[in-house]
Amino acid sequence: MGAILLGLTLLSLIIWVGLLTLRGQFWRSDQQSEVGETQLKSLPTVCAVIPARNEADLLPITLRSLLLQDYPGTFNVFLVDDRSTDGTAGCAEGVAYAVDKRQQFHLISGESLPPGWSGKLWAIEQGIQQAKALTPDYFLLTDADIEHDAGNLRRLVAKAVQEDLDLVSVMVRLRCEDFWEKFLIPAFVFFFQKLYPFRWVNNPNNKTAAAAGGSILIRAAALEQIGGIQVIRQALIDDCALAQAVKSVNKISSQSNSSPPAPPAPPALSKGRIWLGLSTLTRSLRPYSSLETIWDMVARTAYTQLNYSPLLLLGTLLGMTLIYLIPPVSVILGAVLGNWAIAFTGLSAWLLMSLAYYPTIRFYKCSPWFAFSLSAIAFLYTLMTLDSAIRHWQGRGGSWKGRVYLG
């Protein structure tokens, strides 16, 4: 028994050494949108598209922040009212009137949801089709719960233009005020970065692709080249699906010696270059002040992330147990059994885990002691993932805003 536990603990330690040294420095928080120059040498035309379903409570803050961007170029906002029942449309018009931006604001009444589309993506599609009349150079895809820093758009455009990027996205600062938010939300970001290391995402030679749906700037030509929003119309994790579609343009198909050479891509079209970082100033106002709300947020898409595969689910449950739960259990059992080799190995893995988590904790300005709680947090996320699979099997998966999407 002791030998097996020591072997598992040693394996966990080796995995953490590998994660810290070989996985794109995912644990760092230095890929930030507010770092670097933001001077604009050109002023592309930008149209923002906001899908909004029952968001009247947040729009007085979020829509106002978007309409008051300090971007010096031509900028229009298209809000798609996705059949709201709380007065979202009237609230949005009132905000545009109050900040004297009625000429730049366009309200669209969403049509009924057709088969094969998610509600959010159908709303975005309607907004994009309307915005195309203004022939924008870029689309800003954002959510109705995002409060934009005044310079957010200017920084996104500067990043895209200066580095010739087809898609620029920032993971906005999630709300982290109440206990459950402080306990679980930073870990959500940590796990996302471990799954999609930002340095790998930002490397055009690495196939890893991801984006954060709250703030995505995409070149109109790139969106057109991949076939528009309709190519991801059923995706529940739509931001990462969009980033994957854009970055896939950069892939070069292998050719046999007998195959004719592929025709060169038109120079004006997408190069598949994307960038993803963190924002310290633009933030989400969506509250997750209880365990239930965070649980539902994770369970909505966790099994989708595993491609609805029971084998991947089993592997994830075993992997989470080995990587996150074995270290503290080994410390306790090693001390009880007097096996200090097990206890010391488990403590070493636990300290490496906490060291990896600490930059995210510091980014969210939480107590450093939360860094040592990652095992307990991971246990809850593991249960959420299992629940996500159970909901899918019961036909309750992907529930959002009164709609249920089955994979």
Protein backbone atom coordinates (compact mmCIF):
# COMPACT_ATOMS: atom_id res chain seq x y z
CA MET A 1 0.00 0.00 0.00
CA GLY A 2 2.77 2.41 0.97
CA ALA A 3 4.73 1.63 -2.19
CA ILE A 4 1.69 2.30 -4.40
CA LEU A 5 0.94 5.60 -2.66
CA LEU A 6 4.59 6.65 -2.92
CA GLY A 7 4.58 5.81 -6.62
CA LEU A 8 1.43 7.84 -7.25
CA THR A 9 2.77 10.78 -5.25
CA LEU A 10 6.08 10.71 -7.09
CA LEU A 11 4.20 10.63 -10.41
CA SER A 12 2.17 13.65 -9.31
CA LEU A 13 5.37 15.51 -8.44
CA ILE A 14 6.91 14.66 -11.82
CA ILE A 15 3.77 15.91 -13.59
CA TRP A 16 3.93 19.23 -11.76
CA VAL A 17 7.58 19.66 -12.65
CA GLY A 18 6.65 18.99 -16.26
CA LEU A 19 3.71 21.42 -16.19
CA LEU A 20 5.83 24.21 -14.77
CA THR A 21 8.70 23.72 -17.21
CA LEU A 22 7.17 22.41 -20.43
CA ARG A 23 3.61 23.75 -20.79
CA GLY A 24 4.08 27.23 -22.21
CA GLN A 25 4.53 28.95 -18.85
CA PHE A 26 0.74 28.85 -18.55
CA TRP A 27 0.91 29.84 -14.90
CA ARG A 28 2.23 33.34 -15.63
CA SER A 29 -0.08 36.36 -15.85
CA ASP A 30 2.13 38.62 -17.95
CA GLN A 31 0.25 38.38 -21.26
CA GLN A 32 -1.77 41.56 -20.66
CA SER A 33 -3.51 43.91 -23.06
CA GLU A 34 -2.59 47.04 -21.09
CA VAL A 35 1.14 46.43 -21.61
CA GLY A 36 2.96 48.12 -24.52
CA GLU A 37 2.42 51.01 -26.86
CA THR A 38 -1.06 51.84 -28.13
CA GLN A 39 -0.31 54.47 -30.75
CA LEU A 40 -2.50 54.15 -33.82
CA LYS A 41 -0.94 54.73 -37.21
CA SER A 42 -4.22 54.06 -38.99
CA LEU A 43 -7.87 54.27 -37.96
CA PRO A 44 -9.78 51.21 -39.15
CA THR A 45 -13.56 51.22 -39.06
CA VAL A 46 -14.97 49.08 -36.26
CA CYS A 47 -18.46 47.75 -35.58
CA ALA A 48 -19.26 46.21 -32.20
CA VAL A 49 -21.90 43.48 -31.98
CA ILE A 50 -23.57 42.73 -28.64
CA PRO A 51 -26.02 39.84 -28.19
CA ALA A 52 -28.35 40.78 -25.34
CA ARG A 53 -31.03 38.62 -23.76
CA ASN A 54 -32.63 40.04 -20.61
CA GLU A 55 -29.70 42.32 -19.74
CA ALA A 56 -31.57 45.50 -18.70
CA ASP A 57 -29.93 45.49 -15.27
CA LEU A 58 -26.38 45.68 -16.61
CA LEU A 59 -26.70 47.74 -19.80
CA PRO A 60 -26.74 51.17 -18.09
CA ILE A 61 -23.13 50.46 -17.12
CA THR A 62 -21.85 48.11 -19.81
CA LEU A 63 -23.39 49.68 -22.92
CA ARG A 64 -22.46 53.13 -21.69
CA SER A 65 -18.82 52.03 -21.31
CA LEU A 66 -18.77 50.76 -24.89
CA LEU A 67 -20.40 53.83 -26.40
CA LEU A 68 -17.90 56.07 -24.59
CA GLN A 69 -14.74 54.41 -25.91
CA ASP A 70 -11.94 56.87 -26.64
CA TYR A 71 -11.25 55.27 -30.04
CA PRO A 72 -10.64 58.11 -32.54
CA GLY A 73 -11.75 56.16 -35.62
CA THR A 74 -15.25 55.38 -36.92
CA PHE A 75 -17.02 53.17 -34.41
CA ASN A 76 -20.60 51.90 -34.37
CA VAL A 77 -22.42 49.65 -31.92
CA PHE A 78 -25.04 47.08 -32.94
CA LEU A 79 -27.04 45.58 -30.08
CA VAL A 80 -29.21 42.58 -30.90
CA ASP A 81 -32.14 42.22 -28.54
CA ASP A 82 -32.54 38.45 -28.39
CA ARG A 83 -36.28 38.39 -27.64
CA SER A 84 -35.85 39.80 -24.15
CA THR A 85 -38.75 40.14 -21.72
CA ASP A 86 -37.24 42.67 -19.30
CA GLY A 87 -37.18 45.84 -21.40
CA THR A 88 -33.64 45.37 -22.71
CA ALA A 89 -34.39 47.22 -25.95
CA GLY A 90 -35.84 50.30 -24.26
CA CYS A 91 -33.04 50.37 -21.74
CA ALA A 92 -30.41 50.23 -24.51
CA GLU A 93 -32.03 53.07 -26.44
CA GLY A 94 -32.18 55.12 -23.27
CA VAL A 95 -28.47 54.64 -22.63
CA ALA A 96 -27.58 55.69 -26.18
CA TYR A 97 -29.76 58.77 -25.83
CA ALA A 98 -28.29 59.67 -22.42
CA VAL A 99 -24.68 59.65 -23.72
CA ASP A 100 -25.66 61.36 -27.01
CA LYS A 101 -24.54 58.44 -29.18
CA ARG A 102 -27.77 57.75 -31.02
CA GLN A 103 -26.08 58.08 -34.42
CA GLN A 104 -23.51 55.42 -33.55
CA PHE A 105 -26.00 53.04 -31.91
CA HIS A 106 -28.12 50.53 -33.83
CA LEU A 107 -30.78 48.39 -32.17
CA ILE A 108 -31.78 45.13 -33.86
CA SER A 109 -34.83 43.11 -32.86
CA GLY A 110 -33.70 39.50 -32.95
CA GLU A 111 -35.59 37.00 -35.07
CA SER A 112 -36.72 33.62 -33.78
CA LEU A 113 -34.00 31.04 -33.30
CA PRO A 114 -33.64 28.75 -36.33
CA PRO A 115 -32.69 25.07 -35.99
CA GLY A 116 -28.99 24.34 -35.70
CA TRP A 117 -27.96 27.63 -34.06
CA SER A 118 -27.15 28.58 -30.48
CA GLY A 119 -29.03 31.67 -29.35
CA LYS A 120 -25.94 33.80 -28.78
CA LEU A 121 -24.37 32.98 -32.14
CA TRP A 122 -27.64 33.57 -34.00
CA ALA A 123 -27.85 37.01 -32.39
CA ILE A 124 -24.23 37.74 -33.34
CA GLU A 125 -24.90 36.61 -36.90
CA GLN A 126 -27.83 39.02 -37.22
CA GLY A 127 -25.73 41.87 -35.87
CA ILE A 128 -22.85 41.14 -38.23
CA GLN A 129 -25.12 40.99 -41.26
CA GLN A 130 -26.58 44.39 -40.38
CA ALA A 131 -23.15 45.87 -39.63
CA LYS A 132 -21.76 44.73 -42.99
CA ALA A 133 -23.63 47.61 -44.61
CA LEU A 134 -21.02 49.92 -43.06
CA THR A 135 -18.15 47.80 -44.49
CA PRO A 136 -16.12 47.71 -41.24
CA ASP A 137 -12.50 46.62 -41.17
CA TYR A 138 -13.01 44.89 -37.83
CA PHE A 139 -15.84 43.51 -35.73
CA LEU A 140 -15.72 43.75 -31.94
CA LEU A 141 -17.69 40.84 -30.49
CA THR A 142 -18.52 41.46 -26.86
CA ASP A 143 -21.03 40.43 -24.20
CA ALA A 144 -23.68 42.53 -22.54
CA ASP A 145 -22.15 42.06 -19.09
CA ILE A 146 -18.75 43.59 -19.96
CA GLU A 147 -17.77 47.00 -18.62
CA HIS A 148 -15.09 48.22 -21.02
CA ASP A 149 -12.24 50.41 -19.94
CA ALA A 150 -12.31 53.61 -22.03
CA GLY A 151 -9.17 52.59 -23.91
CA ASN A 152 -10.01 48.93 -24.49
CA LEU A 153 -10.98 49.23 -28.15
CA ARG A 154 -8.06 51.53 -28.93
CA ARG A 155 -5.63 49.00 -27.45
CA LEU A 156 -7.22 46.07 -29.26
CA VAL A 157 -7.06 47.84 -32.63
CA ALA A 158 -3.49 49.01 -32.03
CA LYS A 159 -2.46 45.44 -31.18
CA ALA A 160 -4.17 44.05 -34.27
CA VAL A 161 -2.74 46.67 -36.64
CA GLN A 162 0.79 46.79 -35.27
CA GLU A 163 1.24 43.01 -35.21
CA ASP A 164 -0.92 42.21 -38.26
CA LEU A 165 -3.28 39.99 -36.26
CA ASP A 166 -6.57 38.59 -37.51
CA LEU A 167 -8.04 38.11 -34.05
CA VAL A 168 -7.20 39.82 -30.76
CA SER A 169 -8.97 38.81 -27.58
CA VAL A 170 -8.68 39.55 -23.90
CA MET A 171 -9.99 37.56 -21.00
CA VAL A 172 -11.62 40.33 -19.02
CA ARG A 173 -11.26 40.46 -15.26
CA LEU A 174 -14.07 38.32 -13.87
CA ARG A 175 -15.99 39.50 -10.82
CA CYS A 176 -14.21 38.37 -7.67
CA GLU A 177 -15.84 39.99 -4.65
CA ASP A 178 -17.79 37.44 -2.61
CA PHE A 179 -16.32 34.37 -0.92
CA TRP A 180 -17.29 31.81 -3.56
CA GLU A 181 -16.00 34.10 -6.30
CA LYS A 182 -12.64 34.48 -4.54
CA PHE A 183 -12.50 30.76 -3.84
CA LEU A 184 -13.41 29.48 -7.32
CA ILE A 185 -13.17 32.18 -10.02
CA PRO A 186 -9.35 32.59 -10.10
CA ALA A 187 -9.09 28.81 -10.47
CA PHE A 188 -11.43 28.98 -13.47
CA VAL A 189 -8.93 31.30 -15.15
CA PHE A 190 -6.00 29.13 -14.02
CA PHE A 191 -7.53 25.97 -15.50
CA PHE A 192 -8.33 27.83 -18.73
CA GLN A 193 -4.72 28.97 -19.04
CA LYS A 194 -3.47 25.46 -18.33
CA LEU A 195 -5.71 24.08 -21.06
CA TYR A 196 -4.82 26.90 -23.50
CA PRO A 197 -1.41 28.34 -22.57
CA PHE A 198 -1.48 31.92 -23.81
CA ARG A 199 2.06 31.76 -25.16
CA TRP A 200 1.10 28.77 -27.29
CA VAL A 201 -2.07 30.51 -28.47
CA ASN A 202 -0.04 33.58 -29.46
CA ASN A 203 2.58 31.53 -31.32
CA PRO A 204 1.58 31.20 -35.01
CA ASN A 205 3.59 27.98 -35.23
CA ASN A 206 1.65 26.30 -32.43
CA LYS A 207 -1.76 24.78 -33.22
CA THR A 208 -3.27 25.75 -29.84
CA ALA A 209 -6.04 28.30 -30.34
CA ALA A 210 -8.36 30.04 -27.89
CA ALA A 211 -10.18 33.30 -27.29
CA ALA A 212 -12.32 34.86 -24.57
CA GLY A 213 -15.82 35.67 -25.73
CA GLY A 214 -16.25 38.81 -23.67
CA SER A 215 -13.91 40.85 -25.85
CA ILE A 216 -12.90 39.64 -29.33
CA LEU A 217 -11.70 41.90 -32.13
CA ILE A 218 -11.70 40.05 -35.45
CA ARG A 219 -10.70 41.28 -38.88
CA ALA A 220 -13.73 41.32 -41.18
CA ALA A 221 -11.76 39.73 -44.02
CA ALA A 222 -10.67 36.89 -41.73
CA LEU A 223 -14.25 36.26 -40.62
CA GLU A 224 -15.35 36.20 -44.24
CA GLN A 225 -12.57 33.82 -45.21
CA ILE A 226 -13.47 31.17 -42.62
CA GLY A 227 -17.10 31.26 -43.76
CA GLY A 228 -18.59 33.61 -41.19
CA ILE A 229 -20.14 32.91 -37.82
CA GLN A 230 -22.24 30.13 -39.31
CA VAL A 231 -19.24 27.77 -39.34
CA ILE A 232 -19.45 27.63 -35.52
CA ARG A 233 -23.22 28.15 -35.26
CA GLN A 234 -23.75 25.21 -32.88
CA ALA A 235 -20.64 25.66 -30.74
CA LEU A 236 -21.26 26.09 -27.01
CA ILE A 237 -17.63 27.10 -26.45
CA ASP A 238 -17.94 29.52 -29.34
CA ASP A 239 -14.99 31.78 -28.53
CA CYS A 240 -12.42 29.00 -28.72
CA ALA A 241 -14.15 27.51 -31.78
CA LEU A 242 -13.88 30.86 -33.55
CA ALA A 243 -10.21 31.21 -32.65
CA GLN A 244 -9.53 27.68 -33.90
CA ALA A 245 -11.25 28.43 -37.20
CA VAL A 246 -9.20 31.60 -37.68
CA LYS A 247 -5.88 30.07 -36.67
CA SER A 248 -6.47 27.01 -38.87
CA VAL A 249 -6.01 29.27 -41.89
CA ASN A 250 -2.31 29.22 -41.02
CA LYS A 251 -2.04 25.45 -41.37
CA ILE A 252 -0.14 24.09 -44.34
CA SER A 253 -1.49 20.83 -45.69
CA SER A 254 1.12 18.15 -46.18
CA GLN A 255 1.73 17.34 -49.82
CA SER A 256 3.20 14.18 -51.30
CA ASN A 257 5.89 14.49 -53.92
CA SER A 258 3.43 13.47 -56.62
CA SER A 259 0.79 16.02 -55.59
CA PRO A 260 0.55 19.33 -57.43
CA PRO A 261 1.60 22.36 -55.35
CA ALA A 262 -1.17 24.18 -53.51
CA PRO A 263 -2.12 27.56 -54.98
CA PRO A 264 -0.81 30.52 -52.98
CA ALA A 265 -3.25 32.23 -50.65
CA PRO A 266 -4.39 35.70 -51.71
CA PRO A 267 -2.17 38.18 -49.86
CA ALA A 268 -5.10 40.32 -48.73
CA LEU A 269 -6.72 37.49 -46.79
CA SER A 270 -6.21 36.11 -43.29
CA LYS A 271 -2.85 34.79 -42.12
CA GLY A 272 -4.37 33.01 -39.15
CA ARG A 273 -2.48 35.03 -36.54
CA ILE A 274 -4.26 35.45 -33.21
CA TRP A 275 -3.46 36.83 -29.76
CA LEU A 276 -5.02 36.23 -26.36
CA GLY A 277 -4.19 37.97 -23.11
CA LEU A 278 -5.57 39.19 -19.81
CA SER A 279 -7.10 42.56 -19.05
CA THR A 280 -6.68 44.31 -15.73
CA LEU A 281 -9.15 47.11 -16.50
CA THR A 282 -11.99 45.74 -18.63
CA ARG A 283 -14.19 43.54 -16.46
CA SER A 284 -17.26 41.37 -16.33
CA LEU A 285 -20.10 42.46 -14.07
CA ARG A 286 -21.79 39.05 -14.13
CA PRO A 287 -22.16 38.01 -10.47
CA TYR A 288 -21.30 34.50 -9.32
CA SER A 289 -21.88 35.03 -5.64
CA SER A 290 -22.95 31.49 -4.74
CA LEU A 291 -21.59 28.01 -5.26
CA GLU A 292 -24.69 27.16 -7.30
CA THR A 293 -24.17 29.91 -9.88
CA ILE A 294 -20.51 29.00 -10.42
CA TRP A 295 -21.40 25.31 -10.50
CA ASP A 296 -23.98 25.91 -13.23
CA MET A 297 -21.54 28.05 -15.25
CA VAL A 298 -18.93 25.27 -15.29
CA ALA A 299 -21.36 22.37 -15.69
CA ARG A 300 -22.92 24.07 -18.72
CA THR A 301 -19.89 23.42 -20.94
CA ALA A 302 -17.40 21.19 -19.08
CA TYR A 303 -18.52 17.98 -20.82
CA THR A 304 -18.62 19.85 -24.12
CA GLN A 305 -14.93 20.62 -23.62
CA LEU A 306 -14.38 16.85 -23.46
CA ASN A 307 -16.21 16.34 -26.78
CA TYR A 308 -18.92 14.39 -24.91
CA SER A 309 -16.49 11.46 -24.63
CA PRO A 310 -16.92 9.04 -21.69
CA LEU A 311 -13.29 7.98 -22.11
CA LEU A 312 -12.05 11.58 -21.90
CA LEU A 313 -14.32 12.08 -18.89
CA LEU A 314 -12.80 9.08 -17.15
CA GLY A 315 -9.31 10.27 -18.02
CA THR A 316 -10.10 13.74 -16.69
CA LEU A 317 -11.45 12.39 -13.39
CA LEU A 318 -8.38 10.20 -12.92
CA GLY A 319 -6.03 12.99 -13.99
CA MET A 320 -7.57 15.56 -11.67
CA THR A 321 -7.31 13.07 -8.80
CA LEU A 322 -3.66 12.29 -9.51
CA ILE A 323 -2.53 15.87 -10.13
CA TYR A 324 -4.50 17.79 -7.52
CA LEU A 325 -5.79 15.42 -4.83
CA ILE A 326 -2.95 12.95 -4.32
CA PRO A 327 -0.41 15.52 -2.98
CA PRO A 328 -2.35 16.72 0.11
CA VAL A 329 -3.70 13.22 0.77
CA SER A 330 -0.14 11.90 0.69
CA VAL A 331 1.00 14.53 3.16
CA ILE A 332 -1.72 13.53 5.61
CA LEU A 333 -1.41 9.76 5.16
CA GLY A 334 2.38 9.93 5.14
CA ALA A 335 2.36 11.75 8.46
CA VAL A 336 -0.18 9.34 9.97
CA LEU A 337 1.75 6.27 8.78
CA GLY A 338 5.10 7.75 9.71
CA ASN A 339 6.26 7.36 6.11
CA TRP A 340 8.14 10.61 5.65
CA ALA A 341 9.17 9.78 2.09
CA ILE A 342 5.51 9.87 1.08
CA ALA A 343 4.82 12.97 3.18
CA PHE A 344 7.83 14.87 1.82
CA THR A 345 7.08 13.94 -1.82
CA GLY A 346 3.44 14.94 -1.40
CA LEU A 347 4.43 18.23 0.23
CA SER A 348 6.83 18.98 -2.62
CA ALA A 349 4.08 18.42 -5.20
CA TRP A 350 1.64 20.50 -3.12
CA LEU A 351 4.11 23.38 -2.91
CA LEU A 352 4.73 23.30 -6.67
CA MET A 353 0.97 23.33 -7.24
CA SER A 354 0.56 26.32 -4.94
CA LEU A 355 3.50 28.09 -6.57
CA ALA A 356 1.89 27.66 -9.98
CA TYR A 357 -1.45 29.00 -8.74
CA TYR A 358 -0.05 31.99 -6.86
CA PRO A 359 0.35 34.38 -9.87
CA THR A 360 -3.36 33.99 -10.65
CA ILE A 361 -4.27 34.59 -7.01
CA ARG A 362 -2.10 37.71 -7.01
CA PHE A 363 -3.64 38.90 -10.29
CA TYR A 364 -7.09 38.72 -8.69
CA LYS A 365 -5.82 40.35 -5.48
CA CYS A 366 -6.97 37.50 -3.27
CA SER A 367 -5.35 36.31 -0.06
CA PRO A 368 -2.16 34.30 -0.71
CA TRP A 369 -3.61 31.54 1.45
CA PHE A 370 -6.02 30.69 -1.37
CA ALA A 371 -3.00 29.39 -3.31
CA PHE A 372 -2.82 26.42 -0.92
CA SER A 373 -6.51 25.61 -1.49
CA LEU A 374 -6.19 24.52 -5.10
CA SER A 375 -6.65 20.84 -4.22
CA ALA A 376 -10.03 21.51 -2.58
CA ILE A 377 -11.00 23.80 -5.45
CA ALA A 378 -9.99 21.18 -8.01
CA PHE A 379 -12.11 18.60 -6.18
CA LEU A 380 -15.17 20.83 -6.61
CA TYR A 381 -14.38 21.43 -10.28
CA THR A 382 -14.04 17.68 -10.76
CA LEU A 383 -17.53 17.19 -9.32
CA MET A 384 -18.82 19.96 -11.61
CA THR A 385 -17.34 18.17 -14.62
CA LEU A 386 -18.96 14.91 -13.60
CA ASP A 387 -22.27 16.71 -13.10
CA SER A 388 -21.90 18.28 -16.57
CA ALA A 389 -21.73 14.78 -18.07
CA ILE A 390 -24.72 13.61 -16.02
CA ARG A 391 -26.76 16.62 -17.18
CA HIS A 392 -25.86 15.83 -20.79
CA TRP A 393 -26.91 12.20 -20.42
CA GLN A 394 -30.19 13.37 -18.88
CA GLY A 395 -30.84 15.82 -21.73
CA ARG A 396 -30.25 18.89 -19.58
CA GLY A 397 -26.81 19.92 -20.89
CA GLY A 398 -25.89 23.38 -22.16
CA SER A 399 -28.71 25.25 -20.42
CA TRP A 400 -28.39 29.04 -20.73
CA LYS A 401 -30.86 31.91 -20.65
CA GLY A 402 -33.85 29.58 -20.72
CA ARG A 403 -32.57 27.46 -23.62
CA VAL A 404 -31.06 23.97 -23.57
CA TYR A 405 -28.47 22.96 -26.19
CA LEU A 406 -27.67 19.28 -26.66
CA GLY A 407 -24.34 18.31 -28.14
